Protein backbone atom coordinates (compact mmCIF):
# COMPACT_ATOMS: atom_id res chain seq x y z
CA MET A 1 71.64 116.96 131.87
CA ILE A 2 75.13 115.85 132.90
CA ARG A 3 73.89 112.23 132.95
CA ILE A 4 72.89 112.53 129.28
CA VAL A 5 76.30 113.95 128.29
CA ARG A 6 78.11 111.27 130.30
CA SER A 7 76.19 108.49 128.55
CA ALA A 8 76.27 110.08 125.08
CA LEU A 9 80.01 110.85 125.11
CA PRO A 10 81.22 107.24 125.46
CA ALA A 11 78.74 106.14 122.81
CA ALA A 12 79.92 108.85 120.41
CA LEU A 13 83.58 108.02 121.04
CA GLY A 14 82.89 104.33 120.53
CA SER A 15 81.09 105.00 117.25
CA ALA A 16 83.94 107.25 116.06
CA ALA A 17 86.54 104.63 116.95
CA LEU A 18 84.54 101.98 115.09
CA LEU A 19 84.27 104.16 111.98
CA VAL A 20 88.00 104.94 112.04
CA GLY A 21 88.77 101.23 112.33
CA VAL A 22 86.47 100.36 109.43
CA GLY A 23 88.00 103.18 107.37
CA ALA A 24 91.49 101.84 108.00
CA ALA A 25 90.48 98.30 107.09
CA PHE A 26 88.65 99.34 103.89
CA PRO A 27 90.36 102.38 102.33
CA ALA A 28 88.44 104.55 99.92
CA ARG A 29 88.38 103.60 96.24
CA ALA A 30 89.53 107.12 95.41
CA ASP A 31 92.96 106.19 96.82
CA ASP A 32 93.39 103.50 94.14
CA PRO A 33 94.83 104.54 90.78
CA PRO A 34 92.34 104.33 87.91
CA GLN A 35 92.41 101.10 85.95
CA THR A 36 93.11 101.35 82.25
CA ALA A 37 91.91 99.13 79.45
CA ASN A 38 95.45 97.87 78.84
CA PRO A 39 97.35 98.20 82.11
CA ALA A 40 100.63 96.61 81.00
CA PRO A 41 102.37 97.77 77.85
CA ALA A 42 103.98 95.20 75.61
CA PRO A 43 107.53 94.41 76.73
CA ASN A 44 109.02 95.45 73.40
CA GLY A 45 108.10 99.13 73.60
CA GLY A 46 104.38 98.94 72.93
CA HIS A 47 104.54 97.00 69.65
CA ASP A 48 102.33 93.95 69.85
CA HIS A 49 103.69 91.40 67.37
CA ARG A 50 100.47 89.38 67.42
CA ASN A 51 98.76 92.18 65.46
CA ASP A 52 101.63 92.49 62.96
CA PRO A 53 100.79 90.78 59.65
CA ALA A 54 104.49 90.34 58.80
CA TRP A 55 105.15 88.60 62.11
CA GLN A 56 102.13 86.36 61.61
CA ALA A 57 103.29 85.40 58.11
CA CYS A 58 106.81 84.62 59.35
CA LYS A 59 105.41 82.57 62.23
CA LYS A 60 103.24 80.58 59.82
CA GLN A 61 106.28 79.89 57.64
CA ALA A 62 108.28 78.75 60.69
CA ASP A 63 105.39 76.50 61.75
CA ASP A 64 105.09 75.07 58.24
CA GLN A 65 108.81 74.24 58.29
CA ASN A 66 108.33 72.57 61.71
CA LEU A 67 111.10 74.66 63.27
CA GLU A 68 111.37 73.85 66.97
CA ARG A 69 111.77 76.55 69.59
CA GLY A 70 115.34 77.62 69.91
CA GLU A 71 118.11 79.45 68.11
CA ALA A 72 117.23 78.17 64.62
CA ARG A 73 113.63 79.41 64.89
CA ARG A 74 114.77 82.76 66.34
CA ALA A 75 117.26 83.23 63.50
CA PHE A 76 114.60 82.33 60.93
CA MET A 77 112.09 84.78 62.46
CA ARG A 78 114.72 87.54 62.67
CA ASP A 79 115.74 87.09 59.02
CA CYS A 80 112.15 86.77 57.85
CA LEU A 81 111.09 89.96 59.64
CA LYS A 82 114.12 91.84 58.27
CA SER A 83 113.18 90.86 54.74
CA ALA A 84 109.51 91.73 55.37
CA GLN A 85 110.28 95.28 56.54
CA GLY A 86 110.68 96.61 53.01
CA THR A 87 107.51 95.02 51.60
CA PRO A 88 104.14 96.76 51.92
CA THR A 89 101.54 94.94 54.00
CA GLN A 90 98.69 95.85 51.62
CA PRO A 91 98.77 96.00 47.81
CA PRO A 92 98.61 99.53 46.39
CA ALA A 93 95.13 100.69 45.43
CA GLY A 94 94.34 101.32 41.79
């Protein structure tokens, strides 16, 4: 009986050490934070300008005027968006 315990104990300890090593190398998925559909918010406070019709219209105007990247284009976009803030994006119904 002691021979069985002496041969089973090293095998059990070896298996336990192997499992601990595998567990350390591959941590459980439950430790990872859940992934969201949109993990990174937009840098300007969550407003995505690509979905803004006013921004798209101003960008098209800047492209039509062939404004190069730089201060002139930024100033044009800033002024265009300021003027577009007061106008409704959709015509009133009725």
